[in-house]
């Protein structure tokens, strides 16, 4: 989409969090220039992959970007960075504050180059806290933000969610911060620095419903949204598989109870009272668990569909790809530019009215666009070649 067409983003992000955020910017039409060390983003190495420098994971977080590889510890490399920033609208990174400062890309350093710069960054921990410069990855934040404990198994042992969830959730926060700062700059002409720390963002994300009784002061109950903590809130075993069955409104609960023959319970006053029902939700979920085995998935889908009760078969990953709802638009597209062969990509979920979608571009090789980008900055071919020969800027690195 071309909603951010004309916006130039200098992207110093690595691994998943930052690249996920900047990929959204590229999907919306921004020119995202991925600045990498000469050896490339470390996530390139995750296998499998179509080439030595593009793994499947990297490909899925870095489409619609161009890559320039720079040794930023060299003065001549810093000069290229200065040129990039001076020509940019946005700088984004997900490194620690002290690391950004050492590389010469802290906000106070880049603001001297571009006073109205939009600068958004996502460290592991907020810069005003005692752990400001501690390292953090997704598992660390899952543990510390309470997510692993919320995802405990039946024995109470904490479990990591089998997704890079914190990186992706905070990546969405980071992309939103960029969009908000760009709107402010459009209105006022002023730049802005926005910090989006991982722990703080995920703690807020997890507690939004689980603050519960502690929302009031003094508290009116414990932490935790009880419906979500019920031991019987789970995918329910059916006669031939598993289903998510979720009556929620009063009407849906009554329809469900009538469907399973619980007519007397359907007439109980507490079932029709949202607050009273919330206090006894364990009883209702236990009932679903008892009756779910009496029908097959197909029977549940049909009968709950007629009753307009929310329901879903539990899909394996292979079934997600083939889900008929997702097939309407098509979940997967295909890159085939003659370089790496056919590669699938996940289509963006956004649909903009009266706007055609541009063909996306595959994730770049390390330094694939170095020469192109430097020429756009007004650098002469001879000077570019000298930087390449001195291993200050990396030219394309691939195994094809």
Protein backbone atom coordinates (compact mmCIF):
# COMPACT_ATOMS: atom_id res chain seq x y z
CA UNK A 1 0.00 0.00 0.00
CA UNK A 2 1.18 3.57 -0.57
CA UNK A 3 -0.05 5.16 2.67
CA UNK A 4 3.55 5.97 3.71
CA UNK A 5 4.90 6.58 0.23
CA UNK A 6 7.62 9.23 0.32
CA UNK A 7 8.67 8.43 3.89
CA UNK A 8 12.26 7.25 4.22
CA UNK A 9 13.12 5.03 7.20
CA UNK A 10 16.66 4.27 8.31
CA UNK A 11 16.30 0.95 10.07
CA UNK A 12 19.01 -0.19 12.50
CA UNK A 13 16.84 -2.98 13.94
CA UNK A 14 17.83 -6.64 14.31
CA UNK A 15 16.43 -10.12 15.08
CA UNK A 16 12.58 -9.94 15.29
CA UNK A 17 11.12 -7.04 17.30
CA UNK A 18 12.43 -4.16 15.24
CA UNK A 19 12.32 -5.87 11.84
CA UNK A 20 8.66 -6.81 12.48
CA UNK A 21 7.89 -3.14 13.17
CA UNK A 22 9.77 -1.80 10.16
CA UNK A 23 8.26 -4.43 7.87
CA UNK A 24 4.84 -2.89 8.57
CA UNK A 25 6.26 0.48 7.53
CA UNK A 26 7.55 -1.05 4.32
CA UNK A 27 4.22 -2.77 3.70
CA UNK A 28 2.56 0.65 3.94
CA UNK A 29 4.87 2.03 1.27
CA UNK A 30 7.76 3.58 3.20
CA UNK A 31 11.27 3.25 1.78
CA UNK A 32 12.90 1.18 4.53
CA UNK A 33 16.70 1.09 4.38
CA UNK A 34 18.00 -1.72 6.57
CA UNK A 35 21.44 -0.80 7.93
CA UNK A 36 23.37 -3.94 8.86
CA UNK A 37 26.88 -4.78 10.02
CA UNK A 38 29.07 -6.35 7.36
CA UNK A 39 28.17 -9.82 8.60
CA UNK A 40 24.46 -9.00 8.52
CA UNK A 41 21.57 -9.26 10.95
CA UNK A 42 22.09 -12.28 13.21
CA UNK A 43 18.61 -13.59 12.44
CA UNK A 44 19.73 -14.30 8.87
CA UNK A 45 21.42 -17.47 10.16
CA UNK A 46 18.25 -19.17 11.42
CA UNK A 47 17.56 -22.18 9.24
CA UNK A 48 16.06 -23.44 6.98
CA UNK A 49 16.59 -20.89 4.25
CA UNK A 50 16.94 -20.44 0.49
CA UNK A 51 20.47 -18.99 0.69
CA UNK A 52 23.33 -18.67 3.14
CA UNK A 53 22.35 -15.12 4.11
CA UNK A 54 18.56 -15.38 3.95
CA UNK A 55 16.89 -17.80 6.33
CA UNK A 56 13.15 -18.45 6.30
CA UNK A 57 12.64 -16.47 9.52
CA UNK A 58 14.60 -13.50 8.20
CA UNK A 59 12.59 -13.61 4.97
CA UNK A 60 9.34 -13.41 6.93
CA UNK A 61 10.34 -10.26 8.85
CA UNK A 62 12.22 -8.25 6.25
CA UNK A 63 10.25 -7.95 3.03
CA UNK A 64 9.88 -4.54 1.38
CA UNK A 65 13.28 -3.32 2.58
CA UNK A 66 16.60 -2.45 1.02
CA UNK A 67 19.88 -3.42 2.67
CA UNK A 68 23.11 -1.50 3.08
CA UNK A 69 25.96 -3.07 5.06
CA UNK A 70 28.22 -0.65 6.95
CA UNK A 71 31.07 -0.92 9.44
CA UNK A 72 29.71 1.77 11.74
CA UNK A 73 32.80 1.68 13.96
CA UNK A 74 34.86 3.22 11.16
CA UNK A 75 34.79 6.99 10.63
CA UNK A 76 34.02 6.60 6.94
CA UNK A 77 31.14 4.28 7.83
CA UNK A 78 29.82 6.90 10.23
CA UNK A 79 29.94 9.41 7.39
CA UNK A 80 27.63 7.20 5.32
CA UNK A 81 25.27 6.92 8.30
CA UNK A 82 25.26 10.71 8.65
CA UNK A 83 24.28 11.05 5.00
CA UNK A 84 21.52 8.48 5.44
CA UNK A 85 20.05 10.20 8.49
CA UNK A 86 20.22 13.64 6.90
CA UNK A 87 18.12 12.30 4.03
CA UNK A 88 15.66 10.36 6.23
CA UNK A 89 12.34 10.96 7.96
CA UNK A 90 12.55 8.18 10.54
CA UNK A 91 15.22 6.29 12.46
CA UNK A 92 14.23 3.11 14.27
CA UNK A 93 16.27 0.64 16.34
CA UNK A 94 15.88 -1.95 19.09
CA UNK A 95 19.24 -1.85 20.81
CA UNK A 96 20.21 -0.69 24.29
CA UNK A 97 20.73 3.00 24.86
CA UNK A 98 24.45 2.62 25.59
CA UNK A 99 24.92 0.61 22.38
CA UNK A 100 23.19 3.27 20.30
CA UNK A 101 25.33 5.95 21.91
CA UNK A 102 28.54 4.02 21.20
CA UNK A 103 27.54 3.65 17.53
CA UNK A 104 26.74 7.35 17.23
CA UNK A 105 23.00 6.87 16.68
CA UNK A 106 21.49 8.03 19.98
CA UNK A 107 18.71 10.60 19.56
CA UNK A 108 20.76 13.50 20.88
CA UNK A 109 23.47 12.67 18.32
CA UNK A 110 21.19 12.27 15.32
CA UNK A 111 19.02 15.27 16.19
CA UNK A 112 22.06 17.45 15.42
CA UNK A 113 22.02 16.01 11.91
CA UNK A 114 18.24 16.10 11.38
CA UNK A 115 16.41 18.37 13.85
CA UNK A 116 12.91 17.22 12.85
CA UNK A 117 13.80 13.52 12.91
CA UNK A 118 11.23 10.95 14.04
CA UNK A 119 13.25 8.62 16.28
CA UNK A 120 11.64 5.51 17.79
CA UNK A 121 13.48 2.79 19.65
CA UNK A 122 12.76 -0.30 21.70
CA UNK A 123 15.27 -1.42 24.36
CA UNK A 124 14.59 -4.38 26.65
CA UNK A 125 14.04 -2.16 29.68
CA UNK A 126 13.11 1.48 30.10
CA UNK A 127 16.02 3.92 30.23
CA UNK A 128 14.93 5.37 33.59
CA UNK A 129 15.06 2.03 35.42
CA UNK A 130 17.85 0.05 37.14
CA UNK A 131 18.05 -2.50 34.30
CA UNK A 132 18.19 0.08 31.52
CA UNK A 133 21.27 -1.43 29.89
CA UNK A 134 20.61 -5.10 30.56
CA UNK A 135 20.22 -7.47 27.59
CA UNK A 136 16.79 -8.87 26.78
CA UNK A 137 15.23 -11.25 24.31
CA UNK A 138 11.72 -12.63 23.95
CA UNK A 139 12.09 -15.45 26.51
CA UNK A 140 13.46 -13.05 29.12
CA UNK A 141 10.46 -10.74 28.71
CA UNK A 142 7.99 -13.65 28.65
CA UNK A 143 9.40 -14.68 32.04
CA UNK A 144 9.59 -11.27 33.65
CA UNK A 145 6.32 -9.82 32.34
CA UNK A 146 4.24 -12.64 33.84
CA UNK A 147 3.41 -14.27 30.52
CA UNK A 148 5.20 -17.56 31.20
CA UNK A 149 3.43 -17.89 34.56
CA UNK A 150 0.04 -17.15 32.98
CA UNK A 151 0.79 -19.91 30.47
CA UNK A 152 1.54 -22.50 33.18
CA UNK A 153 0.82 -26.17 32.46
CA UNK A 154 -1.63 -28.36 34.40
CA UNK A 155 0.97 -28.87 37.13
CA UNK A 156 1.57 -25.15 37.57
CA UNK A 157 4.97 -25.10 35.86
CA UNK A 158 5.47 -21.89 33.83
CA UNK A 159 5.72 -22.36 30.08
CA UNK A 160 6.94 -20.15 27.28
CA UNK A 161 4.35 -19.39 24.60
CA UNK A 162 5.50 -21.14 21.43
CA UNK A 163 5.70 -17.91 19.51
CA UNK A 164 8.09 -14.97 19.56
CA UNK A 165 5.15 -13.18 21.10
CA UNK A 166 6.82 -10.38 23.07
CA UNK A 167 8.96 -9.31 20.13
CA UNK A 168 5.92 -9.19 17.86
CA UNK A 169 3.61 -7.44 20.33
CA UNK A 170 6.23 -4.81 21.16
CA UNK A 171 7.04 -4.55 17.45
CA UNK A 172 3.45 -3.49 16.88
CA UNK A 173 3.86 -0.88 19.64
CA UNK A 174 7.02 0.36 17.91
CA UNK A 175 5.33 0.66 14.50
CA UNK A 176 2.45 2.55 16.12
CA UNK A 177 4.90 4.93 17.78
CA UNK A 178 6.47 5.72 14.40
CA UNK A 179 3.08 6.39 12.84
CA UNK A 180 2.00 8.65 15.72
CA UNK A 181 5.24 10.63 15.65
CA UNK A 182 4.94 11.09 11.88
CA UNK A 183 1.42 12.50 12.32
CA UNK A 184 2.71 14.95 14.95
CA UNK A 185 5.55 16.04 12.68
CA UNK A 186 3.08 16.55 9.83
CA UNK A 187 1.00 18.83 12.04
CA UNK A 188 3.75 20.73 13.87
CA UNK A 189 6.92 20.25 11.82
CA UNK A 190 8.67 18.99 14.96
CA UNK A 191 10.60 15.78 15.38
CA UNK A 192 10.10 13.40 18.27
CA UNK A 193 11.84 10.63 20.18
CA UNK A 194 9.64 7.80 21.48
CA UNK A 195 11.03 4.97 23.60
CA UNK A 196 9.10 1.67 23.59
CA UNK A 197 10.75 -0.61 26.20
CA UNK A 198 9.88 -4.31 25.96
CA UNK A 199 9.24 -5.11 29.62
CA UNK A 200 7.10 -2.06 30.25
CA UNK A 201 5.06 -2.64 27.08
CA UNK A 202 4.48 -6.34 27.79
CA UNK A 203 3.69 -5.81 31.49
CA UNK A 204 1.00 -3.34 30.46
CA UNK A 205 -0.21 -5.67 27.71
CA UNK A 206 -0.54 -8.62 30.11
CA UNK A 207 -2.11 -6.66 32.95
CA UNK A 208 -4.72 -4.81 30.88
CA UNK A 209 -7.31 -7.44 31.85
CA UNK A 210 -5.44 -9.06 34.74
CA UNK A 211 -5.14 -5.89 36.84
CA UNK A 212 -8.74 -6.79 37.78
CA UNK A 213 -9.47 -5.96 41.42
CA UNK A 214 -6.29 -3.91 41.73
CA UNK A 215 -7.74 -1.44 39.24
CA UNK A 216 -9.48 0.16 42.24
CA UNK A 217 -7.74 1.76 45.20
CA UNK A 218 -8.04 0.28 47.71
CA UNK A 219 -8.20 -3.00 45.81
CA UNK A 220 -11.48 -4.82 45.43
CA UNK A 221 -10.09 -8.26 44.78
CA UNK A 222 -7.05 -10.10 43.52
CA UNK A 223 -5.03 -9.72 40.37
CA UNK A 224 -6.23 -11.88 37.51
CA UNK A 225 -9.24 -12.02 35.20
CA UNK A 226 -10.96 -15.08 36.60
CA UNK A 227 -12.59 -16.20 33.36
CA UNK A 228 -9.18 -16.60 31.79
CA UNK A 229 -7.73 -18.34 34.85
CA UNK A 230 -10.45 -21.00 35.03
CA UNK A 231 -8.96 -24.50 34.86
CA UNK A 232 -11.81 -25.48 32.53
CA UNK A 233 -11.10 -22.71 30.03
CA UNK A 234 -9.32 -24.74 27.39
CA UNK A 235 -9.87 -26.39 24.04
CA UNK A 236 -12.51 -29.03 24.75
CA UNK A 237 -12.16 -32.67 23.74
CA UNK A 238 -14.99 -33.68 21.41
CA UNK A 239 -15.94 -37.07 20.04
CA UNK A 240 -13.26 -36.78 17.34
CA UNK A 241 -10.98 -33.84 18.11
CA UNK A 242 -10.85 -30.53 19.94
CA UNK A 243 -13.01 -27.42 19.78
CA UNK A 244 -13.02 -23.91 21.16
CA UNK A 245 -16.60 -23.35 22.36
CA UNK A 246 -17.24 -19.92 23.81
CA UNK A 247 -20.69 -18.67 24.71
CA UNK A 248 -20.14 -15.14 26.00
CA UNK A 249 -23.27 -13.01 25.98
CA UNK A 250 -26.41 -13.87 27.97
CA UNK A 251 -28.19 -14.83 24.76
CA UNK A 252 -25.34 -17.13 23.71
CA UNK A 253 -25.22 -18.88 27.08
CA UNK A 254 -28.95 -19.50 27.06
CA UNK A 255 -28.81 -20.78 23.49
CA UNK A 256 -25.97 -23.12 24.39
CA UNK A 257 -27.67 -24.46 27.51
CA UNK A 258 -30.86 -25.14 25.60
CA UNK A 259 -28.87 -26.88 22.89
CA UNK A 260 -27.30 -29.31 25.36
CA UNK A 261 -30.58 -29.96 27.21
CA UNK A 262 -29.87 -27.84 30.31
CA UNK A 263 -33.26 -26.14 30.20
CA UNK A 264 -33.60 -25.65 33.96
CA UNK A 265 -30.15 -24.11 34.20
CA UNK A 266 -30.98 -21.81 31.28
CA UNK A 267 -33.86 -20.43 33.38
CA UNK A 268 -31.69 -19.69 36.43
CA UNK A 269 -31.57 -15.97 37.21
CA UNK A 270 -27.78 -15.95 37.69
CA UNK A 271 -27.24 -17.22 34.14
CA UNK A 272 -28.97 -14.12 32.80
CA UNK A 273 -27.01 -11.78 35.08
CA UNK A 274 -23.62 -10.94 33.60
CA UNK A 275 -21.94 -10.18 36.92
CA UNK A 276 -23.37 -13.25 38.67
CA UNK A 277 -22.46 -15.42 35.71
CA UNK A 278 -18.90 -14.11 35.81
CA UNK A 279 -18.59 -15.18 39.44
CA UNK A 280 -19.67 -18.73 38.56
CA UNK A 281 -17.92 -19.07 35.23
CA UNK A 282 -15.99 -22.17 36.39
CA UNK A 283 -19.27 -24.09 36.67
CA UNK A 284 -20.26 -23.20 33.14
CA UNK A 285 -16.89 -24.04 31.64
CA UNK A 286 -16.89 -27.36 33.50
CA UNK A 287 -20.28 -28.07 31.92
CA UNK A 288 -18.90 -27.42 28.43
CA UNK A 289 -16.03 -29.82 29.17
CA UNK A 290 -18.51 -32.54 30.22
CA UNK A 291 -20.81 -32.26 27.20
CA UNK A 292 -18.27 -31.49 24.47
CA UNK A 293 -17.38 -35.18 24.05
CA UNK A 294 -20.98 -36.00 23.09
CA UNK A 295 -20.67 -34.56 19.57
CA UNK A 296 -18.14 -34.55 16.78
CA UNK A 297 -16.45 -31.39 15.60
CA UNK A 298 -18.67 -31.32 12.53
CA UNK A 299 -21.81 -31.67 14.64
CA UNK A 300 -20.69 -28.89 16.99
CA UNK A 301 -19.88 -26.57 14.11
CA UNK A 302 -23.30 -27.07 12.57
CA UNK A 303 -25.37 -26.87 15.76
CA UNK A 304 -23.46 -23.99 17.36
CA UNK A 305 -23.56 -22.20 14.02
CA UNK A 306 -27.34 -22.37 13.94
CA UNK A 307 -27.41 -21.05 17.53
CA UNK A 308 -24.93 -18.26 16.65
CA UNK A 309 -22.55 -19.34 19.43
CA UNK A 310 -18.84 -18.64 18.81
CA UNK A 311 -16.98 -21.84 17.96
CA UNK A 312 -13.86 -23.05 16.17
CA UNK A 313 -12.06 -26.30 15.50
CA UNK A 314 -8.54 -26.31 16.93
CA UNK A 315 -6.31 -26.06 13.88
CA UNK A 316 -2.82 -27.48 13.52
CA UNK A 317 -0.41 -25.14 11.74
CA UNK A 318 -0.92 -27.02 8.48
CA UNK A 319 -4.67 -26.51 8.82
CA UNK A 320 -4.25 -22.77 9.40
CA UNK A 321 -2.68 -22.43 5.98
CA UNK A 322 -5.66 -24.25 4.44
CA UNK A 323 -8.37 -22.50 6.49
CA UNK A 324 -11.24 -21.57 4.11
CA UNK A 325 -11.67 -18.10 5.63
CA UNK A 326 -8.00 -17.33 5.05
CA UNK A 327 -8.23 -18.81 1.56
CA UNK A 328 -10.76 -16.13 0.57
CA UNK A 329 -8.04 -13.53 0.18
CA UNK A 330 -5.18 -16.00 0.23
CA UNK A 331 -2.86 -16.22 3.22
CA UNK A 332 0.25 -16.77 1.15
CA UNK A 333 1.70 -14.98 -1.83
CA UNK A 334 4.77 -15.96 -3.83
CA UNK A 335 8.01 -14.18 -4.65
CA UNK A 336 9.81 -15.43 -7.73
CA UNK A 337 12.36 -12.92 -8.95
CA UNK A 338 14.70 -15.46 -10.49
CA UNK A 339 17.20 -15.13 -7.65
CA UNK A 340 16.22 -17.51 -4.87
CA UNK A 341 13.47 -19.45 -6.61
CA UNK A 342 9.86 -19.39 -5.46
CA UNK A 343 9.40 -18.17 -1.88
CA UNK A 344 6.11 -17.93 -0.07
CA UNK A 345 5.32 -14.85 1.99
CA UNK A 346 2.50 -14.01 4.40
CA UNK A 347 0.28 -11.37 2.92
CA UNK A 348 -0.38 -8.29 5.11
CA UNK A 349 -3.77 -8.48 6.83
CA UNK A 350 -4.64 -4.84 6.09
CA UNK A 351 -7.26 -3.99 3.49
CA UNK A 352 -7.44 -0.36 2.39
CA UNK A 353 -10.52 0.86 0.54
CA UNK A 354 -10.02 2.12 -3.03
CA UNK A 355 -6.33 1.26 -3.02
CA UNK A 356 -4.56 -1.36 -5.07
CA UNK A 357 -1.78 -3.38 -3.50
CA UNK A 358 1.72 -3.07 -4.92
CA UNK A 359 3.76 -6.20 -5.51
CA UNK A 360 5.95 -6.79 -2.44
CA UNK A 361 9.69 -7.33 -2.60
CA UNK A 362 11.54 -10.24 -1.02
CA UNK A 363 13.93 -9.75 1.89
CA UNK A 364 17.30 -8.43 0.70
CA UNK A 365 20.72 -10.04 0.71
CA UNK A 366 23.33 -8.43 2.97
CA UNK A 367 24.32 -5.14 1.34
CA UNK A 368 22.28 -5.91 -1.78
CA UNK A 369 21.40 -2.25 -2.24
CA UNK A 370 24.54 -0.62 -0.81
CA UNK A 371 25.72 0.89 -4.08
CA UNK A 372 22.23 1.95 -5.12
CA UNK A 373 21.57 3.70 -1.81
CA UNK A 374 24.92 5.49 -1.75
CA UNK A 375 24.41 6.74 -5.30
CA UNK A 376 21.04 8.16 -4.21
CA UNK A 377 22.93 10.04 -1.47
CA UNK A 378 25.04 11.72 -4.15
CA UNK A 379 28.20 9.67 -3.62
CA UNK A 380 30.48 9.10 -6.59
CA UNK A 381 31.10 5.59 -7.90
CA UNK A 382 34.82 5.88 -7.20
CA UNK A 383 34.23 6.80 -3.56
CA UNK A 384 31.73 3.96 -3.22
CA UNK A 385 34.18 1.46 -4.68
CA UNK A 386 36.88 2.65 -2.26
CA UNK A 387 34.55 2.03 0.71
CA UNK A 388 33.80 -1.45 -0.62
CA UNK A 389 37.47 -2.23 -1.24
CA UNK A 390 38.35 -1.10 2.29
CA UNK A 391 35.59 -3.32 3.75
CA UNK A 392 33.82 -0.32 5.28
CA UNK A 393 30.71 -0.88 3.22
CA UNK A 394 29.59 -4.34 2.17
CA UNK A 395 28.52 -5.08 -1.37
CA UNK A 396 26.02 -7.86 -1.97
CA UNK A 397 26.82 -11.04 -0.09
CA UNK A 398 24.92 -14.12 -1.24
CA UNK A 399 25.61 -17.74 -2.16
CA UNK A 400 23.83 -17.77 -5.49
